[in-house]
PDB file of N, CA and C in Angstrom:
ATOM      1  N   MET A   1       0.813  -1.171   0.070  1.00  0.00           N
ATOM      2  CA  MET A   1      -0.131  -0.141  -0.013  1.00  0.00           C
ATOM      3  C   MET A   1       0.796   1.248   0.111  1.00  0.00           C
ATOM      4  N   GLN A   2       0.632   2.334  -0.893  1.00  0.00           N
ATOM      5  CA  GLN A   2       1.494   3.476  -0.918  1.00  0.00           C
ATOM      6  C   GLN A   2       0.575   4.517  -0.234  1.00  0.00           C
ATOM      7  N   HIS A   3       1.147   5.246   0.611  1.00  0.00           N
ATOM      8  CA  HIS A   3       0.305   6.537   1.301  1.00  0.00           C
ATOM      9  C   HIS A   3       0.674   7.488   0.653  1.00  0.00           C
ATOM     10  N   LYS A   4      -0.204   8.435   0.179  1.00  0.00           N
ATOM     11  CA  LYS A   4       0.044   9.663  -0.388  1.00  0.00           C
ATOM     12  C   LYS A   4      -0.797  10.702   0.481  1.00  0.00           C
ATOM     13  N   ALA A   5      -0.614  10.579   1.780  1.00  0.00           N
ATOM     14  CA  ALA A   5      -1.131  11.278   2.763  1.00  0.00           C
ATOM     15  C   ALA A   5      -0.985  12.785   2.572  1.00  0.00           C
ATOM     16  N   VAL A   6      -2.030  13.587   2.969  1.00  0.00           N
ATOM     17  CA  VAL A   6      -1.786  15.199   3.246  1.00  0.00           C
ATOM     18  C   VAL A   6      -1.387  15.485   4.647  1.00  0.00           C
ATOM     19  N   SER A   7      -2.233  14.840   5.525  1.00  0.00           N
ATOM     20  CA  SER A   7      -2.153  15.264   6.908  1.00  0.00           C
ATOM     21  C   SER A   7      -2.782  14.000   7.717  1.00  0.00           C
ATOM     22  N   ILE A   8      -2.598  14.009   9.016  1.00  0.00           N
ATOM     23  CA  ILE A   8      -3.217  13.494   9.978  1.00  0.00           C
ATOM     24  C   ILE A   8      -3.598  14.300  11.159  1.00  0.00           C
ATOM     25  N   ARG A   9      -4.893  14.050  11.286  1.00  0.00           N
ATOM     26  CA  ARG A   9      -5.617  14.730  12.233  1.00  0.00           C
ATOM     27  C   ARG A   9      -6.489  14.106  13.359  1.00  0.00           C
ATOM     28  N   PRO A  10      -5.724  13.994  14.657  1.00  0.00           N
ATOM     29  CA  PRO A  10      -6.402  13.164  15.792  1.00  0.00           C
ATOM     30  C   PRO A  10      -7.876  13.995  16.083  1.00  0.00           C
ATOM     31  N   PHE A  11      -8.592  13.159  16.719  1.00  0.00           N
ATOM     32  CA  PHE A  11      -9.737  13.919  17.522  1.00  0.00           C
ATOM     33  C   PHE A  11      -9.555  13.822  18.889  1.00  0.00           C
ATOM     34  N   ILE A  12      -9.596  14.994  19.463  1.00  0.00           N
ATOM     35  CA  ILE A  12      -9.563  14.805  21.156  1.00  0.00           C
ATOM     36  C   ILE A  12     -10.847  15.496  21.704  1.00  0.00           C
ATOM     37  N   GLY A  13     -11.102  15.046  23.133  1.00  0.00           N
ATOM     38  CA  GLY A  13     -12.479  15.405  23.610  1.00  0.00           C
ATOM     39  C   GLY A  13     -12.050  16.494  24.531  1.00  0.00           C
ATOM     40  N   ALA A  14     -13.155  17.008  25.087  1.00  0.00           N
ATOM     41  CA  ALA A  14     -12.845  18.148  25.875  1.00  0.00           C
ATOM     42  C   ALA A  14     -13.947  17.865  27.255  1.00  0.00           C
ATOM     43  N   LYS A  15     -13.429  18.093  28.439  1.00  0.00           N
ATOM     44  CA  LYS A  15     -14.385  18.168  29.471  1.00  0.00           C
ATOM     45  C   LYS A  15     -15.261  19.367  29.472  1.00  0.00           C
ATOM     46  N   ASP A  16     -14.724  20.490  29.244  1.00  0.00           N
ATOM     47  CA  ASP A  16     -15.312  21.792  29.166  1.00  0.00           C
ATOM     48  C   ASP A  16     -14.961  22.429  27.730  1.00  0.00           C
ATOM     49  N   PHE A  17     -15.853  22.308  26.951  1.00  0.00           N
ATOM     50  CA  PHE A  17     -15.583  22.639  25.394  1.00  0.00           C
ATOM     51  C   PHE A  17     -14.779  24.060  25.368  1.00  0.00           C
ATOM     52  N   GLU A  18     -15.539  24.800  26.042  1.00  0.00           N
ATOM     53  CA  GLU A  18     -15.321  26.424  25.873  1.00  0.00           C
ATOM     54  C   GLU A  18     -13.899  26.727  26.742  1.00  0.00           C
ATOM     55  N   ILE A  19     -13.695  26.142  27.504  1.00  0.00           N
ATOM     56  CA  ILE A  19     -12.250  26.273  28.423  1.00  0.00           C
ATOM     57  C   ILE A  19     -11.136  25.708  27.586  1.00  0.00           C
ATOM     58  N   SER A  20     -11.449  24.599  27.001  1.00  0.00           N
ATOM     59  CA  SER A  20     -10.588  24.076  26.010  1.00  0.00           C
ATOM     60  C   SER A  20     -10.271  24.495  24.784  1.00  0.00           C
ATOM     61  N   ARG A  21     -11.123  25.263  24.223  1.00  0.00           N
ATOM     62  CA  ARG A  21     -11.066  25.950  22.887  1.00  0.00           C
ATOM     63  C   ARG A  21     -10.106  27.284  23.268  1.00  0.00           C
ATOM     64  N   SER A  22     -10.363  28.004  24.515  1.00  0.00           N
ATOM     65  CA  SER A  22      -9.818  29.031  25.000  1.00  0.00           C
ATOM     66  C   SER A  22      -8.131  28.707  25.186  1.00  0.00           C
ATOM     67  N   PHE A  23      -7.991  27.682  25.749  1.00  0.00           N
ATOM     68  CA  PHE A  23      -6.576  26.930  26.116  1.00  0.00           C
ATOM     69  C   PHE A  23      -5.909  27.033  24.845  1.00  0.00           C
ATOM     70  N   TYR A  24      -6.575  26.255  23.766  1.00  0.00           N
ATOM     71  CA  TYR A  24      -5.618  25.884  22.647  1.00  0.00           C
ATOM     72  C   TYR A  24      -5.452  27.143  21.838  1.00  0.00           C
ATOM     73  N   ARG A  25      -6.222  28.141  22.008  1.00  0.00           N
ATOM     74  CA  ARG A  25      -6.123  29.413  21.334  1.00  0.00           C
ATOM     75  C   ARG A  25      -4.907  30.170  22.110  1.00  0.00           C
ATOM     76  N   ASP A  26      -4.829  30.039  23.327  1.00  0.00           N
ATOM     77  CA  ASP A  26      -3.551  30.779  24.090  1.00  0.00           C
ATOM     78  C   ASP A  26      -2.533  29.855  23.829  1.00  0.00           C
ATOM     79  N   LEU A  27      -2.451  28.778  23.693  1.00  0.00           N
ATOM     80  CA  LEU A  27      -1.156  27.875  23.339  1.00  0.00           C
ATOM     81  C   LEU A  27      -0.925  28.134  21.835  1.00  0.00           C
ATOM     82  N   GLY A  28      -1.449  28.995  21.071  1.00  0.00           N
ATOM     83  CA  GLY A  28      -1.090  29.640  19.771  1.00  0.00           C
ATOM     84  C   GLY A  28      -1.697  28.880  18.607  1.00  0.00           C
ATOM     85  N   PHE A  29      -2.619  28.061  18.843  1.00  0.00           N
ATOM     86  CA  PHE A  29      -3.112  27.305  17.787  1.00  0.00           C
ATOM     87  C   PHE A  29      -4.297  28.216  16.978  1.00  0.00           C
ATOM     88  N   GLU A  30      -4.412  28.077  15.600  1.00  0.00           N
ATOM     89  CA  GLU A  30      -5.585  28.806  15.122  1.00  0.00           C
ATOM     90  C   GLU A  30      -6.798  28.233  15.053  1.00  0.00           C
ATOM     91  N   GLU A  31      -7.846  28.576  15.553  1.00  0.00           N
ATOM     92  CA  GLU A  31      -9.080  27.640  15.580  1.00  0.00           C
ATOM     93  C   GLU A  31      -9.917  28.165  14.362  1.00  0.00           C
ATOM     94  N   VAL A  32     -10.567  27.165  13.637  1.00  0.00           N
ATOM     95  CA  VAL A  32     -11.485  27.083  12.640  1.00  0.00           C
ATOM     96  C   VAL A  32     -12.635  26.522  13.136  1.00  0.00           C
ATOM     97  N   VAL A  33     -14.000  27.254  13.341  1.00  0.00           N
ATOM     98  CA  VAL A  33     -15.073  26.400  14.195  1.00  0.00           C
ATOM     99  C   VAL A  33     -15.836  25.849  12.718  1.00  0.00           C
ATOM    100  N   LEU A  34     -16.043  24.632  13.158  1.00  0.00           N
ATOM    101  CA  LEU A  34     -16.566  23.754  12.132  1.00  0.00           C
ATOM    102  C   LEU A  34     -17.987  23.655  12.570  1.00  0.00           C
ATOM    103  N   ASN A  35     -18.449  23.649  13.719  1.00  0.00           N
ATOM    104  CA  ASN A  35     -19.983  23.746  14.317  1.00  0.00           C
ATOM    105  C   ASN A  35     -19.969  23.820  15.612  1.00  0.00           C
ATOM    106  N   ALA A  36     -21.106  23.929  16.266  1.00  0.00           N
ATOM    107  CA  ALA A  36     -21.136  24.337  17.621  1.00  0.00           C
ATOM    108  C   ALA A  36     -20.580  22.958  18.471  1.00  0.00           C
ATOM    109  N   ASP A  37     -20.152  22.040  18.253  1.00  0.00           N
ATOM    110  CA  ASP A  37     -19.677  21.054  18.742  1.00  0.00           C
ATOM    111  C   ASP A  37     -18.244  20.464  18.246  1.00  0.00           C
ATOM    112  N   MET A  38     -17.549  21.303  17.409  1.00  0.00           N
ATOM    113  CA  MET A  38     -16.381  20.843  16.710  1.00  0.00           C
ATOM    114  C   MET A  38     -15.575  21.794  16.217  1.00  0.00           C
ATOM    115  N   SER A  39     -14.319  21.969  16.501  1.00  0.00           N
ATOM    116  CA  SER A  39     -13.566  23.072  16.133  1.00  0.00           C
ATOM    117  C   SER A  39     -12.197  22.335  15.503  1.00  0.00           C
ATOM    118  N   VAL A  40     -11.559  22.852  14.598  1.00  0.00           N
ATOM    119  CA  VAL A  40     -10.175  22.309  13.989  1.00  0.00           C
ATOM    120  C   VAL A  40      -9.225  23.353  14.622  1.00  0.00           C
ATOM    121  N   PHE A  41      -8.062  22.922  15.044  1.00  0.00           N
ATOM    122  CA  PHE A  41      -7.118  23.763  15.474  1.00  0.00           C
ATOM    123  C   PHE A  41      -5.790  23.630  14.826  1.00  0.00           C
ATOM    124  N   LYS A  42      -5.150  24.459  14.244  1.00  0.00           N
ATOM    125  CA  LYS A  42      -4.067  24.630  13.130  1.00  0.00           C
ATOM    126  C   LYS A  42      -2.917  25.243  13.682  1.00  0.00           C
ATOM    127  N   THR A  43      -1.708  24.679  13.413  1.00  0.00           N
ATOM    128  CA  THR A  43      -0.472  25.426  13.123  1.00  0.00           C
ATOM    129  C   THR A  43       0.198  24.950  12.128  1.00  0.00           C
ATOM    130  N   GLY A  44       0.616  25.853  11.181  1.00  0.00           N
ATOM    131  CA  GLY A  44       1.093  25.530   9.772  1.00  0.00           C
ATOM    132  C   GLY A  44       0.363  24.583   9.271  1.00  0.00           C
ATOM    133  N   GLN A  45       0.907  23.551   8.781  1.00  0.00           N
ATOM    134  CA  GLN A  45       0.213  22.356   8.023  1.00  0.00           C
ATOM    135  C   GLN A  45      -0.319  21.435   9.047  1.00  0.00           C
ATOM    136  N   LEU A  46      -0.015  21.441  10.212  1.00  0.00           N
ATOM    137  CA  LEU A  46      -0.837  20.311  11.261  1.00  0.00           C
ATOM    138  C   LEU A  46      -1.857  21.094  11.824  1.00  0.00           C
ATOM    139  N   ALA A  47      -2.761  20.036  12.222  1.00  0.00           N
ATOM    140  CA  ALA A  47      -3.925  20.168  12.840  1.00  0.00           C
ATOM    141  C   ALA A  47      -4.438  18.952  13.673  1.00  0.00           C
ATOM    142  N   PHE A  48      -5.644  19.417  14.694  1.00  0.00           N
ATOM    143  CA  PHE A  48      -6.186  18.285  15.168  1.00  0.00           C
ATOM    144  C   PHE A  48      -7.681  18.925  15.441  1.00  0.00           C
ATOM    145  N   TYR A  49      -8.739  18.049  15.852  1.00  0.00           N
ATOM    146  CA  TYR A  49     -10.060  18.193  16.046  1.00  0.00           C
ATOM    147  C   TYR A  49     -10.483  18.239  17.489  1.00  0.00           C
ATOM    148  N   LEU A  50     -10.932  19.285  18.066  1.00  0.00           N
ATOM    149  CA  LEU A  50     -11.434  19.213  19.349  1.00  0.00           C
ATOM    150  C   LEU A  50     -12.931  19.157  19.185  1.00  0.00           C
ATOM    151  N   GLN A  51     -13.453  18.157  20.108  1.00  0.00           N
ATOM    152  CA  GLN A  51     -14.691  17.886  20.066  1.00  0.00           C
ATOM    153  C   GLN A  51     -15.532  18.160  21.268  1.00  0.00           C
ATOM    154  N   ASN A  52     -16.737  18.674  21.588  1.00  0.00           N
ATOM    155  CA  ASN A  52     -17.435  19.020  22.633  1.00  0.00           C
ATOM    156  C   ASN A  52     -18.062  17.560  23.057  1.00  0.00           C
ATOM    157  N   GLY A  53     -17.111  16.728  23.678  1.00  0.00           N
ATOM    158  CA  GLY A  53     -17.458  15.284  24.023  1.00  0.00           C
ATOM    159  C   GLY A  53     -16.154  14.930  24.927  1.00  0.00           C
ATOM    160  N   TYR A  54     -16.896  14.325  25.985  1.00  0.00           N
ATOM    161  CA  TYR A  54     -15.801  13.702  27.002  1.00  0.00           C
ATOM    162  C   TYR A  54     -16.366  12.245  27.397  1.00  0.00           C
ATOM    163  N   VAL A  55     -15.437  11.479  27.171  1.00  0.00           N
ATOM    164  CA  VAL A  55     -15.381  10.238  27.892  1.00  0.00           C
ATOM    165  C   VAL A  55     -14.054   9.855  28.792  1.00  0.00           C
ATOM    166  N   LYS A  56     -14.269   9.679  29.950  1.00  0.00           N
ATOM    167  CA  LYS A  56     -13.167   9.829  30.988  1.00  0.00           C
ATOM    168  C   LYS A  56     -11.970   8.709  30.414  1.00  0.00           C
ATOM    169  N   ASP A  57     -12.405   7.476  30.349  1.00  0.00           N
ATOM    170  CA  ASP A  57     -11.314   6.813  29.918  1.00  0.00           C
ATOM    171  C   ASP A  57     -10.608   6.916  28.720  1.00  0.00           C
ATOM    172  N   TRP A  58     -11.261   7.677  27.661  1.00  0.00           N
ATOM    173  CA  TRP A  58     -10.646   7.857  26.318  1.00  0.00           C
ATOM    174  C   TRP A  58      -9.739   8.949  26.639  1.00  0.00           C
ATOM    175  N   VAL A  59     -10.217  10.331  27.215  1.00  0.00           N
ATOM    176  CA  VAL A  59      -9.490  11.400  27.360  1.00  0.00           C
ATOM    177  C   VAL A  59      -8.154  11.094  28.331  1.00  0.00           C
ATOM    178  N   ASP A  60      -8.656  10.339  29.439  1.00  0.00           N
ATOM    179  CA  ASP A  60      -7.447  10.014  30.242  1.00  0.00           C
ATOM    180  C   ASP A  60      -6.127   9.199  29.690  1.00  0.00           C
ATOM    181  N   ASN A  61      -6.576   8.762  28.406  1.00  0.00           N
ATOM    182  CA  ASN A  61      -5.566   7.789  27.774  1.00  0.00           C
ATOM    183  C   ASN A  61      -4.960   8.402  26.434  1.00  0.00           C
ATOM    184  N   THR A  62      -5.359   9.640  26.224  1.00  0.00           N
ATOM    185  CA  THR A  62      -4.968  10.289  24.957  1.00  0.00           C
ATOM    186  C   THR A  62      -3.666  11.174  25.339  1.00  0.00           C
ATOM    187  N   MET A  63      -2.641  10.676  24.391  1.00  0.00           N
ATOM    188  CA  MET A  63      -1.459  11.414  24.366  1.00  0.00           C
ATOM    189  C   MET A  63      -1.210  11.818  22.904  1.00  0.00           C
ATOM    190  N   ILE A  64      -0.803  12.992  22.898  1.00  0.00           N
ATOM    191  CA  ILE A  64      -0.264  13.615  21.415  1.00  0.00           C
ATOM    192  C   ILE A  64       1.161  13.919  21.336  1.00  0.00           C
ATOM    193  N   PHE A  65       1.922  13.564  20.491  1.00  0.00           N
ATOM    194  CA  PHE A  65       3.468  14.031  20.543  1.00  0.00           C
ATOM    195  C   PHE A  65       3.603  15.030  19.318  1.00  0.00           C
ATOM    196  N   LEU A  66       3.964  16.201  19.572  1.00  0.00           N
ATOM    197  CA  LEU A  66       4.204  17.259  18.653  1.00  0.00           C
ATOM    198  C   LEU A  66       5.725  17.443  18.804  1.00  0.00           C
ATOM    199  N   GLU A  67       6.263  17.074  17.597  1.00  0.00           N
ATOM    200  CA  GLU A  67       7.682  17.585  17.339  1.00  0.00           C
ATOM    201  C   GLU A  67       7.998  18.799  16.981  1.00  0.00           C
ATOM    202  N   VAL A  68       8.820  19.273  17.792  1.00  0.00           N
ATOM    203  CA  VAL A  68       9.463  20.733  17.664  1.00  0.00           C
ATOM    204  C   VAL A  68      10.704  20.952  17.293  1.00  0.00           C
ATOM    205  N   ASP A  69      11.140  22.028  16.732  1.00  0.00           N
ATOM    206  CA  ASP A  69      12.649  22.250  16.185  1.00  0.00           C
ATOM    207  C   ASP A  69      13.374  22.549  17.446  1.00  0.00           C
ATOM    208  N   ASP A  70      13.032  22.963  18.389  1.00  0.00           N
ATOM    209  CA  ASP A  70      14.030  23.621  19.639  1.00  0.00           C
ATOM    210  C   ASP A  70      13.200  23.214  21.001  1.00  0.00           C
ATOM    211  N   VAL A  71      13.082  22.070  21.551  1.00  0.00           N
ATOM    212  CA  VAL A  71      12.377  22.009  22.876  1.00  0.00           C
ATOM    213  C   VAL A  71      12.719  23.038  23.751  1.00  0.00           C
ATOM    214  N   ALA A  72      13.924  23.410  23.999  1.00  0.00           N
ATOM    215  CA  ALA A  72      14.163  24.466  25.056  1.00  0.00           C
ATOM    216  C   ALA A  72      13.628  25.816  24.757  1.00  0.00           C
ATOM    217  N   ARG A  73      13.610  26.153  23.565  1.00  0.00           N
ATOM    218  CA  ARG A  73      12.826  27.144  23.380  1.00  0.00           C
ATOM    219  C   ARG A  73      11.341  27.037  23.569  1.00  0.00           C
ATOM    220  N   TYR A  74      10.745  25.759  23.053  1.00  0.00           N
ATOM    221  CA  TYR A  74       9.438  25.732  23.372  1.00  0.00           C
ATOM    222  C   TYR A  74       9.088  25.742  24.763  1.00  0.00           C
ATOM    223  N   TRP A  75       9.989  25.104  25.582  1.00  0.00           N
ATOM    224  CA  TRP A  75       9.730  25.031  27.137  1.00  0.00           C
ATOM    225  C   TRP A  75       9.590  26.423  27.660  1.00  0.00           C
ATOM    226  N   ASN A  76      10.572  27.272  27.171  1.00  0.00           N
ATOM    227  CA  ASN A  76      10.544  28.845  27.764  1.00  0.00           C
ATOM    228  C   ASN A  76       9.463  29.387  27.436  1.00  0.00           C
ATOM    229  N   GLU A  77       8.896  29.068  26.070  1.00  0.00           N
ATOM    230  CA  GLU A  77       7.670  29.859  25.699  1.00  0.00           C
ATOM    231  C   GLU A  77       6.324  29.240  26.602  1.00  0.00           C
ATOM    232  N   LEU A  78       6.318  27.982  26.788  1.00  0.00           N
ATOM    233  CA  LEU A  78       5.251  27.449  27.686  1.00  0.00           C
ATOM    234  C   LEU A  78       5.243  28.083  29.043  1.00  0.00           C
ATOM    235  N   LEU A  79       6.465  28.031  29.550  1.00  0.00           N
ATOM    236  CA  LEU A  79       6.481  28.787  30.878  1.00  0.00           C
ATOM    237  C   LEU A  79       5.865  30.198  30.774  1.00  0.00           C
ATOM    238  N   ALA A  80       6.218  31.051  30.020  1.00  0.00           N
ATOM    239  CA  ALA A  80       5.877  32.378  29.627  1.00  0.00           C
ATOM    240  C   ALA A  80       4.479  32.492  29.603  1.00  0.00           C
ATOM    241  N   LEU A  81       3.791  31.404  29.099  1.00  0.00           N
ATOM    242  CA  LEU A  81       2.208  31.426  28.936  1.00  0.00           C
ATOM    243  C   LEU A  81       1.714  31.308  30.433  1.00  0.00           C
ATOM    244  N   ASP A  82       2.336  30.764  31.301  1.00  0.00           N
ATOM    245  CA  ASP A  82       1.681  30.626  32.578  1.00  0.00           C
ATOM    246  C   ASP A  82       0.362  29.936  32.524  1.00  0.00           C
ATOM    247  N   LEU A  83       0.291  28.918  31.816  1.00  0.00           N
ATOM    248  CA  LEU A  83      -1.116  28.224  31.663  1.00  0.00           C
ATOM    249  C   LEU A  83      -1.681  27.571  32.846  1.00  0.00           C
ATOM    250  N   PRO A  84      -0.921  27.041  33.575  1.00  0.00           N
ATOM    251  CA  PRO A  84      -1.276  26.349  34.973  1.00  0.00           C
ATOM    252  C   PRO A  84      -2.022  27.363  35.961  1.00  0.00           C
ATOM    253  N   SER A  85      -1.798  28.604  35.809  1.00  0.00           N
ATOM    254  CA  SER A  85      -2.374  29.604  36.522  1.00  0.00           C
ATOM    255  C   SER A  85      -3.543  29.928  36.005  1.00  0.00           C
ATOM    256  N   LYS A  86      -3.818  30.000  34.826  1.00  0.00           N
ATOM    257  CA  LYS A  86      -4.930  30.260  34.056  1.00  0.00           C
ATOM    258  C   LYS A  86      -6.153  29.236  33.776  1.00  0.00           C
ATOM    259  N   TYR A  87      -5.701  28.016  33.911  1.00  0.00           N
ATOM    260  CA  TYR A  87      -6.656  26.987  33.574  1.00  0.00           C
ATOM    261  C   TYR A  87      -6.415  25.658  34.746  1.00  0.00           C
ATOM    262  N   LYS A  88      -7.422  25.621  35.378  1.00  0.00           N
ATOM    263  CA  LYS A  88      -7.573  24.245  36.469  1.00  0.00           C
ATOM    264  C   LYS A  88      -7.070  23.271  35.896  1.00  0.00           C
ATOM    265  N   GLY A  89      -6.129  22.529  36.444  1.00  0.00           N
ATOM    266  CA  GLY A  89      -5.903  20.996  36.053  1.00  0.00           C
ATOM    267  C   GLY A  89      -4.570  20.866  34.998  1.00  0.00           C
ATOM    268  N   VAL A  90      -4.222  22.043  34.478  1.00  0.00           N
ATOM    269  CA  VAL A  90      -3.001  22.220  33.425  1.00  0.00           C
ATOM    270  C   VAL A  90      -1.956  21.996  34.363  1.00  0.00           C
ATOM    271  N   LYS A  91      -0.950  21.199  33.934  1.00  0.00           N
ATOM    272  CA  LYS A  91       0.205  20.836  34.411  1.00  0.00           C
ATOM    273  C   LYS A  91       1.371  20.921  33.575  1.00  0.00           C
ATOM    274  N   LEU A  92       2.531  21.187  33.818  1.00  0.00           N
ATOM    275  CA  LEU A  92       3.646  21.431  32.929  1.00  0.00           C
ATOM    276  C   LEU A  92       4.766  20.372  33.520  1.00  0.00           C
ATOM    277  N   THR A  93       5.407  19.631  32.827  1.00  0.00           N
ATOM    278  CA  THR A  93       6.510  18.925  33.387  1.00  0.00           C
ATOM    279  C   THR A  93       7.731  19.188  32.562  1.00  0.00           C
ATOM    280  N   PRO A  94       8.830  19.606  33.326  1.00  0.00           N
ATOM    281  CA  PRO A  94      10.068  20.010  32.510  1.00  0.00           C
ATOM    282  C   PRO A  94      10.768  19.082  31.549  1.00  0.00           C
ATOM    283  N   ILE A  95      11.678  19.569  30.780  1.00  0.00           N
ATOM    284  CA  ILE A  95      12.302  18.803  29.677  1.00  0.00           C
ATOM    285  C   ILE A  95      13.117  17.532  30.505  1.00  0.00           C
ATOM    286  N   ARG A  96      12.929  16.651  29.783  1.00  0.00           N
ATOM    287  CA  ARG A  96      13.850  15.440  30.177  1.00  0.00           C
ATOM    288  C   ARG A  96      14.488  14.736  29.002  1.00  0.00           C
ATOM    289  N   VAL A  97      15.714  14.435  29.062  1.00  0.00           N
ATOM    290  CA  VAL A  97      16.675  13.813  28.036  1.00  0.00           C
ATOM    291  C   VAL A  97      16.407  12.427  27.951  1.00  0.00           C
ATOM    292  N   GLU A  98      16.021  12.027  27.045  1.00  0.00           N
ATOM    293  CA  GLU A  98      16.223  10.350  26.712  1.00  0.00           C
ATOM    294  C   GLU A  98      17.142   9.889  25.823  1.00  0.00           C
ATOM    295  N   HIS A  99      17.212   8.772  25.482  1.00  0.00           N
ATOM    296  CA  HIS A  99      18.358   8.424  24.502  1.00  0.00           C
ATOM    297  C   HIS A  99      17.993   8.666  23.053  1.00  0.00           C
ATOM    298  N   TRP A 100      16.561   8.869  22.839  1.00  0.00           N
ATOM    299  CA  TRP A 100      16.366   9.606  21.377  1.00  0.00           C
ATOM    300  C   TRP A 100      16.219  10.974  21.181  1.00  0.00           C
ATOM    301  N   GLY A 101      16.098  11.908  22.236  1.00  0.00           N
ATOM    302  CA  GLY A 101      16.033  13.140  22.139  1.00  0.00           C
ATOM    303  C   GLY A 101      15.577  13.682  23.367  1.00  0.00           C
ATOM    304  N   ARG A 102      14.829  15.086  23.433  1.00  0.00           N
ATOM    305  CA  ARG A 102      14.479  15.733  24.554  1.00  0.00           C
ATOM    306  C   ARG A 102      13.016  15.838  24.353  1.00  0.00           C
ATOM    307  N   GLU A 103      12.201  15.837  25.590  1.00  0.00           N
ATOM    308  CA  GLU A 103      10.866  16.337  25.629  1.00  0.00           C
ATOM    309  C   GLU A 103      10.174  16.932  26.769  1.00  0.00           C
ATOM    310  N   CYS A 104       9.412  17.754  26.829  1.00  0.00           N
ATOM    311  CA  CYS A 104       8.514  18.317  27.841  1.00  0.00           C
ATOM    312  C   CYS A 104       7.216  17.944  27.822  1.00  0.00           C
ATOM    313  N   PHE A 105       6.329  18.205  29.037  1.00  0.00           N
ATOM    314  CA  PHE A 105       5.062  17.780  28.889  1.00  0.00           C
ATOM    315  C   PHE A 105       4.125  18.667  29.333  1.00  0.00           C
ATOM    316  N   LEU A 106       2.725  18.531  28.548  1.00  0.00           N
ATOM    317  CA  LEU A 106       1.693  19.594  29.188  1.00  0.00           C
ATOM    318  C   LEU A 106       0.418  18.778  29.277  1.00  0.00           C
ATOM    319  N   HIS A 107      -0.173  18.805  30.548  1.00  0.00           N
ATOM    320  CA  HIS A 107      -1.569  18.201  30.453  1.00  0.00           C
ATOM    321  C   HIS A 107      -2.523  19.314  30.158  1.00  0.00           C
ATOM    322  N   ASP A 108      -3.418  19.124  29.277  1.00  0.00           N
ATOM    323  CA  ASP A 108      -4.384  20.326  28.921  1.00  0.00           C
ATOM    324  C   ASP A 108      -5.582  20.258  30.290  1.00  0.00           C
ATOM    325  N   PRO A 109      -6.484  21.082  30.082  1.00  0.00           N
ATOM    326  CA  PRO A 109      -7.668  21.444  31.150  1.00  0.00           C
ATOM    327  C   PRO A 109      -8.457  20.022  31.226  1.00  0.00           C
ATOM    328  N   SER A 110      -8.489  19.064  30.224  1.00  0.00           N
ATOM    329  CA  SER A 110      -9.139  18.046  30.182  1.00  0.00           C
ATOM    330  C   SER A 110      -8.259  16.560  30.719  1.00  0.00           C
ATOM    331  N   GLY A 111      -6.905  17.102  30.752  1.00  0.00           N
ATOM    332  CA  GLY A 111      -6.109  15.763  31.045  1.00  0.00           C
ATOM    333  C   GLY A 111      -5.401  15.223  30.063  1.00  0.00           C
ATOM    334  N   ILE A 112      -5.593  15.696  28.755  1.00  0.00           N
ATOM    335  CA  ILE A 112      -4.990  15.033  27.613  1.00  0.00           C
ATOM    336  C   ILE A 112      -3.295  15.402  27.861  1.00  0.00           C
ATOM    337  N   LEU A 113      -2.593  14.488  27.729  1.00  0.00           N
ATOM    338  CA  LEU A 113      -1.160  14.803  27.778  1.00  0.00           C
ATOM    339  C   LEU A 113      -0.424  14.911  26.339  1.00  0.00           C
ATOM    340  N   TRP A 114       0.207  16.103  26.343  1.00  0.00           N
ATOM    341  CA  TRP A 114       0.867  16.700  25.187  1.00  0.00           C
ATOM    342  C   TRP A 114       2.320  16.400  25.464  1.00  0.00           C
ATOM    343  N   HIS A 115       3.070  15.755  24.577  1.00  0.00           N
ATOM    344  CA  HIS A 115       4.478  15.560  24.349  1.00  0.00           C
ATOM    345  C   HIS A 115       5.169  16.517  23.602  1.00  0.00           C
ATOM    346  N   PHE A 116       5.864  17.374  24.057  1.00  0.00           N
ATOM    347  CA  PHE A 116       6.770  18.304  22.821  1.00  0.00           C
ATOM    348  C   PHE A 116       7.987  17.909  22.840  1.00  0.00           C
ATOM    349  N   GLY A 117       8.653  17.337  21.764  1.00  0.00           N
ATOM    350  CA  GLY A 117       9.862  16.976  21.653  1.00  0.00           C
ATOM    351  C   GLY A 117      10.645  17.131  20.436  1.00  0.00           C
ATOM    352  N   GLU A 118      11.841  16.729  20.587  1.00  0.00           N
ATOM    353  CA  GLU A 118      13.024  17.159  19.591  1.00  0.00           C
ATOM    354  C   GLU A 118      13.828  15.725  19.547  1.00  0.00           C
ATOM    355  N   PHE A 119      14.082  15.091  18.303  1.00  0.00           N
ATOM    356  CA  PHE A 119      14.684  13.948  18.176  1.00  0.00           C
ATOM    357  C   PHE A 119      15.971  14.422  18.079  1.00  0.00           C
ATOM    358  N   PHE A 120      17.045  13.687  18.398  1.00  0.00           N
ATOM    359  CA  PHE A 120      18.624  13.611  18.153  1.00  0.00           C
ATOM    360  C   PHE A 120      18.799  13.391  16.913  1.00  0.00           C
ATOM    361  N   ASP A 121      18.295  12.101  16.213  1.00  0.00           N
ATOM    362  CA  ASP A 121      18.338  11.872  14.690  1.00  0.00           C
ATOM    363  C   ASP A 121      16.766  11.515  14.586  1.00  0.00           C
ATOM    364  N   LYS A 122      16.387  11.905  13.190  1.00  0.00           N
ATOM    365  CA  LYS A 122      15.388  12.012  12.813  1.00  0.00           C
ATOM    366  C   LYS A 122      14.886  10.469  12.533  1.00  0.00           C
ATOM    367  N   PRO A 123      13.677   9.942  13.266  1.00  0.00           N
ATOM    368  CA  PRO A 123      13.432   8.455  12.991  1.00  0.00           C
ATOM    369  C   PRO A 123      12.961   8.267  11.638  1.00  0.00           C
TER     370      PRO A 123
END
C-alpha cells in the first residue's frame, strides 16, 4: 500500500469545550469553528479536531506527540504563557533527556497529555 497522505488529524475530547477552546487558542493554535460542537485547531500544516465530548477513559488515555525544532525554546515559551495559573488542571513537566531526544509535557484542562519533543536523529 502506498500512502499519499496530506495530513493526519487526531480527534480529542474536552471536559469543558469552551475552556479547552480558549486554552488551545492561548497555546497559539488557530481555531476554525466547524460547528457548535467541533473545531479544528491548526499550526502551519498540522491540525487536530477538538470535540465537545468527554469520555473519561478516552481522554485520560489520550497522548499527542508534537515534534518541535527546539524543545528548550518551546519550554521557555510554555513557561511564559503561565497556563497552569490560568486553567485548572493544567500541568507542565520540565524537559527530560532520553536516548532518542528531549521532551517536555503539558496536560490540557481535560487531562490530555501533550509531549513536545525534539529528536537527536530523525526517526
